[in-house]
Amino acid sequence: MLKGLRPANANGSQQPCWLELKEWLPQIAEPFAQEAHSHHQRFSLGIPPGLPAIFTLPGVLKSVLAELLKNACKFTPAGHLISLQATCHSDHLDIQVLNTGVTIPLEEQKQVFEKFYRVPSADPWRQGGTGLGLALVQQRVSLLQGSIHLNSEANRTCFTLRLPQVLPAFGQGKPAQPRV
């Protein structure tokens, strides 16, 4: 482990550290799986075997996933699916939050990351919101040196978070080395 870096703790470290996603993602997903169940929604968590650890900012990543999952629970009709999936690629990791039963119109998709913008659609649970959540998500994703993409069509909405497997260490100008 690099000097000055500590592992993620339960409250989500704001320091970059190695994060075992196969153990961490189920902890993040659990409260949203329970919320989905209470709204009669289905919840799926997909973690491939051998998902590697990543060097990232756990507190920032947690806030991004929490916002995306909160929105999925908020806008998914009863009986439909909310899914959190991780996929590892050779040079990056994708984490997708998908929900069915709703489509964001193409003209609205271009604006969802703007401050105070709210998609004018039905909120079945009448939870409201300020329109800041996805704007903050986009800012936080840039802290993770990643990107976020939206694809919404045919009663399916998917946010894909693309992250580097290794976040360059703060102030060192080079990537951290994986643990051995």
C-alpha atoms as a PDB file:
ATOM      1  CA  MET A   1       0.000   0.000   0.000  1.00  0.00           C
ATOM      2  CA  LEU A   2       1.232   3.503  -0.703  1.00  0.00           C
ATOM      3  CA  LYS A   3       2.485   5.643   2.144  1.00  0.00           C
ATOM      4  CA  GLY A   4      -0.233   7.897   3.500  1.00  0.00           C
ATOM      5  CA  LEU A   5      -3.095   5.865   2.017  1.00  0.00           C
ATOM      6  CA  ARG A   6      -5.377   3.745   4.098  1.00  0.00           C
ATOM      7  CA  PRO A   7      -8.003   1.192   3.141  1.00  0.00           C
ATOM      8  CA  ALA A   8     -11.615   2.238   2.784  1.00  0.00           C
ATOM      9  CA  ASN A   9     -13.541   2.155   6.006  1.00  0.00           C
ATOM     10  CA  ALA A  10     -17.234   1.713   6.676  1.00  0.00           C
ATOM     11  CA  ASN A  11     -18.037   5.407   6.309  1.00  0.00           C
ATOM     12  CA  GLY A  12     -16.256   5.682   2.940  1.00  0.00           C
ATOM     13  CA  SER A  13     -12.784   7.144   2.976  1.00  0.00           C
ATOM     14  CA  GLN A  14     -12.170  10.369   1.091  1.00  0.00           C
ATOM     15  CA  GLN A  15      -8.580   9.264   0.484  1.00  0.00           C
ATOM     16  CA  PRO A  16      -7.731   7.168  -2.558  1.00  0.00           C
ATOM     17  CA  CYS A  17      -7.275   3.521  -1.638  1.00  0.00           C
ATOM     18  CA  TRP A  18      -7.707  -0.018  -2.910  1.00  0.00           C
ATOM     19  CA  LEU A  19     -11.340  -1.081  -2.931  1.00  0.00           C
ATOM     20  CA  GLU A  20     -12.488  -4.699  -3.210  1.00  0.00           C
ATOM     21  CA  LEU A  21     -15.646  -4.171  -5.268  1.00  0.00           C
ATOM     22  CA  LYS A  22     -16.866  -7.762  -4.925  1.00  0.00           C
ATOM     23  CA  GLU A  23     -17.213  -7.133  -1.171  1.00  0.00           C
ATOM     24  CA  TRP A  24     -18.045  -3.431  -1.271  1.00  0.00           C
ATOM     25  CA  LEU A  25     -20.792  -3.310  -3.934  1.00  0.00           C
ATOM     26  CA  PRO A  26     -23.201  -5.639  -2.049  1.00  0.00           C
ATOM     27  CA  GLN A  27     -22.939  -3.364   1.004  1.00  0.00           C
ATOM     28  CA  ILE A  28     -23.783  -0.325  -1.111  1.00  0.00           C
ATOM     29  CA  ALA A  29     -26.633  -2.136  -2.884  1.00  0.00           C
ATOM     30  CA  GLU A  30     -28.361  -3.631   0.177  1.00  0.00           C
ATOM     31  CA  PRO A  31     -30.383  -0.588   1.356  1.00  0.00           C
ATOM     32  CA  PHE A  32     -31.552   0.050  -2.211  1.00  0.00           C
ATOM     33  CA  ALA A  33     -32.512  -3.603  -2.677  1.00  0.00           C
ATOM     34  CA  GLN A  34     -34.653  -3.268   0.457  1.00  0.00           C
ATOM     35  CA  GLU A  35     -36.195  -0.026  -0.799  1.00  0.00           C
ATOM     36  CA  ALA A  36     -36.936  -1.634  -4.176  1.00  0.00           C
ATOM     37  CA  HIS A  37     -38.608  -4.551  -2.413  1.00  0.00           C
ATOM     38  CA  SER A  38     -40.785  -2.149  -0.406  1.00  0.00           C
ATOM     39  CA  HIS A  39     -41.909  -0.536  -3.685  1.00  0.00           C
ATOM     40  CA  HIS A  40     -42.609  -3.954  -5.249  1.00  0.00           C
ATOM     41  CA  GLN A  41     -39.691  -3.568  -7.654  1.00  0.00           C
ATOM     42  CA  ARG A  42     -37.206  -6.314  -8.525  1.00  0.00           C
ATOM     43  CA  PHE A  43     -33.502  -5.775  -7.734  1.00  0.00           C
ATOM     44  CA  SER A  44     -30.511  -7.511  -9.294  1.00  0.00           C
ATOM     45  CA  LEU A  45     -26.821  -7.266  -8.420  1.00  0.00           C
ATOM     46  CA  GLY A  46     -24.282  -8.621 -10.916  1.00  0.00           C
ATOM     47  CA  ILE A  47     -20.680  -9.021  -9.819  1.00  0.00           C
ATOM     48  CA  PRO A  48     -18.514 -11.178 -12.069  1.00  0.00           C
ATOM     49  CA  PRO A  49     -16.131 -13.689 -10.516  1.00  0.00           C
ATOM     50  CA  GLY A  50     -12.618 -12.325 -10.342  1.00  0.00           C
ATOM     51  CA  LEU A  51     -13.682  -8.667 -10.293  1.00  0.00           C
ATOM     52  CA  PRO A  52     -10.408  -6.908  -9.441  1.00  0.00           C
ATOM     53  CA  ALA A  53      -9.850  -4.322  -6.747  1.00  0.00           C
ATOM     54  CA  ILE A  54      -9.651  -0.746  -7.981  1.00  0.00           C
ATOM     55  CA  PHE A  55      -7.675   2.210  -6.639  1.00  0.00           C
ATOM     56  CA  THR A  56     -10.222   4.999  -6.243  1.00  0.00           C
ATOM     57  CA  LEU A  57     -12.014   7.408  -3.906  1.00  0.00           C
ATOM     58  CA  PRO A  58     -14.552   5.175  -2.096  1.00  0.00           C
ATOM     59  CA  GLY A  59     -16.568   8.018  -0.554  1.00  0.00           C
ATOM     60  CA  VAL A  60     -17.006   9.708  -3.914  1.00  0.00           C
ATOM     61  CA  LEU A  61     -17.875   6.453  -5.675  1.00  0.00           C
ATOM     62  CA  LYS A  62     -20.381   5.618  -2.941  1.00  0.00           C
ATOM     63  CA  SER A  63     -22.141   8.981  -3.357  1.00  0.00           C
ATOM     64  CA  VAL A  64     -22.336   8.509  -7.147  1.00  0.00           C
ATOM     65  CA  LEU A  65     -23.826   5.022  -6.894  1.00  0.00           C
ATOM     66  CA  ALA A  66     -26.198   6.060  -4.114  1.00  0.00           C
ATOM     67  CA  GLU A  67     -27.615   8.887  -6.232  1.00  0.00           C
ATOM     68  CA  LEU A  68     -28.046   6.665  -9.286  1.00  0.00           C
ATOM     69  CA  LEU A  69     -29.684   3.877  -7.258  1.00  0.00           C
ATOM     70  CA  LYS A  70     -31.908   6.365  -5.400  1.00  0.00           C
ATOM     71  CA  ASN A  71     -33.133   7.716  -8.743  1.00  0.00           C
ATOM     72  CA  ALA A  72     -33.704   4.208 -10.073  1.00  0.00           C
ATOM     73  CA  CYS A  73     -35.831   3.359  -7.030  1.00  0.00           C
ATOM     74  CA  LYS A  74     -37.637   6.676  -7.359  1.00  0.00           C
ATOM     75  CA  PHE A  75     -38.616   6.371 -11.024  1.00  0.00           C
ATOM     76  CA  THR A  76     -39.076   2.616 -11.542  1.00  0.00           C
ATOM     77  CA  PRO A  77     -42.701   1.461 -11.566  1.00  0.00           C
ATOM     78  CA  ALA A  78     -43.787  -1.457  -9.388  1.00  0.00           C
ATOM     79  CA  GLY A  79     -43.023  -4.840 -10.920  1.00  0.00           C
ATOM     80  CA  HIS A  80     -40.043  -3.572 -12.908  1.00  0.00           C
ATOM     81  CA  LEU A  81     -36.317  -4.222 -12.530  1.00  0.00           C
ATOM     82  CA  ILE A  82     -33.469  -2.209 -11.004  1.00  0.00           C
ATOM     83  CA  SER A  83     -30.041  -3.635 -11.723  1.00  0.00           C
ATOM     84  CA  LEU A  84     -26.509  -2.839 -10.543  1.00  0.00           C
ATOM     85  CA  GLN A  85     -23.867  -4.571 -12.686  1.00  0.00           C
ATOM     86  CA  ALA A  86     -20.081  -4.385 -12.768  1.00  0.00           C
ATOM     87  CA  THR A  87     -18.007  -5.373 -15.805  1.00  0.00           C
ATOM     88  CA  CYS A  88     -14.237  -5.447 -15.958  1.00  0.00           C
ATOM     89  CA  HIS A  89     -12.345  -4.576 -19.141  1.00  0.00           C
ATOM     90  CA  SER A  90      -8.619  -4.590 -19.803  1.00  0.00           C
ATOM     91  CA  ASP A  91      -8.112  -0.899 -19.025  1.00  0.00           C
ATOM     92  CA  HIS A  92     -11.273   0.190 -17.206  1.00  0.00           C
ATOM     93  CA  LEU A  93     -14.292  -0.888 -15.204  1.00  0.00           C
ATOM     94  CA  ASP A  94     -17.936  -0.252 -16.056  1.00  0.00           C
ATOM     95  CA  ILE A  95     -20.635  -0.049 -13.411  1.00  0.00           C
ATOM     96  CA  GLN A  96     -24.171   0.136 -14.751  1.00  0.00           C
ATOM     97  CA  VAL A  97     -27.344   1.165 -12.987  1.00  0.00           C
ATOM     98  CA  LEU A  98     -30.263   0.079 -15.127  1.00  0.00           C
ATOM     99  CA  ASN A  99     -33.981   0.308 -14.565  1.00  0.00           C
ATOM    100  CA  THR A 100     -36.917  -0.830 -16.666  1.00  0.00           C
ATOM    101  CA  GLY A 101     -40.403   0.559 -17.052  1.00  0.00           C
ATOM    102  CA  VAL A 102     -39.318   4.074 -17.952  1.00  0.00           C
ATOM    103  CA  THR A 103     -37.733   5.827 -20.924  1.00  0.00           C
ATOM    104  CA  ILE A 104     -36.196   9.294 -20.798  1.00  0.00           C
ATOM    105  CA  PRO A 105     -37.045  10.966 -24.128  1.00  0.00           C
ATOM    106  CA  LEU A 106     -34.016  11.678 -26.342  1.00  0.00           C
ATOM    107  CA  GLU A 107     -34.512  15.465 -26.150  1.00  0.00           C
ATOM    108  CA  GLU A 108     -34.516  15.220 -22.318  1.00  0.00           C
ATOM    109  CA  GLN A 109     -31.405  12.980 -22.163  1.00  0.00           C
ATOM    110  CA  LYS A 110     -29.206  15.859 -23.304  1.00  0.00           C
ATOM    111  CA  GLN A 111     -30.218  17.906 -20.247  1.00  0.00           C
ATOM    112  CA  VAL A 112     -30.299  15.430 -17.344  1.00  0.00           C
ATOM    113  CA  PHE A 113     -26.839  16.412 -16.059  1.00  0.00           C
ATOM    114  CA  GLU A 114     -27.674  20.157 -16.000  1.00  0.00           C
ATOM    115  CA  LYS A 115     -28.168  21.840 -12.626  1.00  0.00           C
ATOM    116  CA  PHE A 116     -31.804  22.126 -11.521  1.00  0.00           C
ATOM    117  CA  TYR A 117     -33.078  20.167 -14.509  1.00  0.00           C
ATOM    118  CA  ARG A 118     -35.787  17.622 -13.768  1.00  0.00           C
ATOM    119  CA  VAL A 119     -37.193  15.265 -16.367  1.00  0.00           C
ATOM    120  CA  PRO A 120     -40.906  16.083 -16.591  1.00  0.00           C
ATOM    121  CA  SER A 121     -42.115  12.541 -15.971  1.00  0.00           C
ATOM    122  CA  ALA A 122     -44.207  10.758 -13.418  1.00  0.00           C
ATOM    123  CA  ASP A 123     -42.650  10.175 -10.013  1.00  0.00           C
ATOM    124  CA  PRO A 124     -44.758   7.224  -8.836  1.00  0.00           C
ATOM    125  CA  TRP A 125     -43.698   7.637  -5.190  1.00  0.00           C
ATOM    126  CA  ARG A 126     -44.057  11.464  -5.179  1.00  0.00           C
ATOM    127  CA  GLN A 127     -40.590  12.016  -3.703  1.00  0.00           C
ATOM    128  CA  GLY A 128     -39.769  15.230  -5.555  1.00  0.00           C
ATOM    129  CA  GLY A 129     -36.230  16.570  -5.853  1.00  0.00           C
ATOM    130  CA  THR A 130     -34.165  19.650  -6.642  1.00  0.00           C
ATOM    131  CA  GLY A 131     -32.643  18.629  -9.965  1.00  0.00           C
ATOM    132  CA  LEU A 132     -29.115  18.765  -8.544  1.00  0.00           C
ATOM    133  CA  GLY A 133     -28.462  15.042  -8.089  1.00  0.00           C
ATOM    134  CA  LEU A 134     -27.228  14.154 -11.578  1.00  0.00           C
ATOM    135  CA  ALA A 135     -25.284  17.409 -11.919  1.00  0.00           C
ATOM    136  CA  LEU A 136     -23.425  16.470  -8.730  1.00  0.00           C
ATOM    137  CA  VAL A 137     -22.957  12.920 -10.018  1.00  0.00           C
ATOM    138  CA  GLN A 138     -21.260  14.260 -13.128  1.00  0.00           C
ATOM    139  CA  GLN A 139     -18.928  16.467 -11.052  1.00  0.00           C
ATOM    140  CA  ARG A 140     -18.050  13.569  -8.743  1.00  0.00           C
ATOM    141  CA  VAL A 141     -17.382  11.248 -11.668  1.00  0.00           C
ATOM    142  CA  SER A 142     -14.791  13.746 -12.904  1.00  0.00           C
ATOM    143  CA  LEU A 143     -13.081  13.479  -9.479  1.00  0.00           C
ATOM    144  CA  LEU A 144     -12.875   9.743 -10.129  1.00  0.00           C
ATOM    145  CA  GLN A 145     -11.334  10.530 -13.539  1.00  0.00           C
ATOM    146  CA  GLY A 146     -14.152   8.571 -15.137  1.00  0.00           C
ATOM    147  CA  SER A 147     -17.121   9.262 -17.352  1.00  0.00           C
ATOM    148  CA  ILE A 148     -20.853   8.688 -17.177  1.00  0.00           C
ATOM    149  CA  HIS A 149     -23.153   7.900 -20.080  1.00  0.00           C
ATOM    150  CA  LEU A 150     -26.924   7.643 -20.359  1.00  0.00           C
ATOM    151  CA  ASN A 151     -28.801   5.339 -22.706  1.00  0.00           C
ATOM    152  CA  SER A 152     -32.583   5.327 -22.488  1.00  0.00           C
ATOM    153  CA  GLU A 153     -34.879   3.648 -24.980  1.00  0.00           C
ATOM    154  CA  ALA A 154     -37.631   1.040 -25.200  1.00  0.00           C
ATOM    155  CA  ASN A 155     -38.707   1.201 -21.544  1.00  0.00           C
ATOM    156  CA  ARG A 156     -35.120   0.839 -20.308  1.00  0.00           C
ATOM    157  CA  THR A 157     -32.794   3.472 -18.805  1.00  0.00           C
ATOM    158  CA  CYS A 158     -29.128   2.745 -18.144  1.00  0.00           C
ATOM    159  CA  PHE A 159     -26.432   4.933 -16.618  1.00  0.00           C
ATOM    160  CA  THR A 160     -22.943   3.569 -17.284  1.00  0.00           C
ATOM    161  CA  LEU A 161     -20.134   4.727 -15.052  1.00  0.00           C
ATOM    162  CA  ARG A 162     -16.722   4.099 -16.649  1.00  0.00           C
ATOM    163  CA  LEU A 163     -13.796   4.208 -14.228  1.00  0.00           C
ATOM    164  CA  PRO A 164     -10.058   3.687 -14.508  1.00  0.00           C
ATOM    165  CA  GLN A 165      -8.898   0.634 -12.590  1.00  0.00           C
ATOM    166  CA  VAL A 166      -6.212   2.776 -11.000  1.00  0.00           C
ATOM    167  CA  LEU A 167      -6.824   6.409 -10.069  1.00  0.00           C
ATOM    168  CA  PRO A 168      -3.556   8.344 -10.306  1.00  0.00           C
ATOM    169  CA  ALA A 169      -2.280   8.967  -6.774  1.00  0.00           C
ATOM    170  CA  PHE A 170      -2.827  12.480  -5.485  1.00  0.00           C
ATOM    171  CA  GLY A 171       0.275  14.630  -5.828  1.00  0.00           C
ATOM    172  CA  GLN A 172       2.473  11.831  -7.137  1.00  0.00           C
ATOM    173  CA  GLY A 173       1.800  12.223 -10.859  1.00  0.00           C
ATOM    174  CA  LYS A 174       1.869   8.479 -11.526  1.00  0.00           C
ATOM    175  CA  PRO A 175      -0.541   5.613 -10.936  1.00  0.00           C
ATOM    176  CA  ALA A 176      -0.354   3.643  -7.734  1.00  0.00           C
ATOM    177  CA  GLN A 177       0.857   0.074  -7.964  1.00  0.00           C
ATOM    178  CA  PRO A 178      -1.574  -2.753  -7.147  1.00  0.00           C
ATOM    179  CA  ARG A 179      -1.166  -4.620  -3.901  1.00  0.00           C
ATOM    180  CA  VAL A 180       0.625  -7.932  -4.022  1.00  0.00           C
END
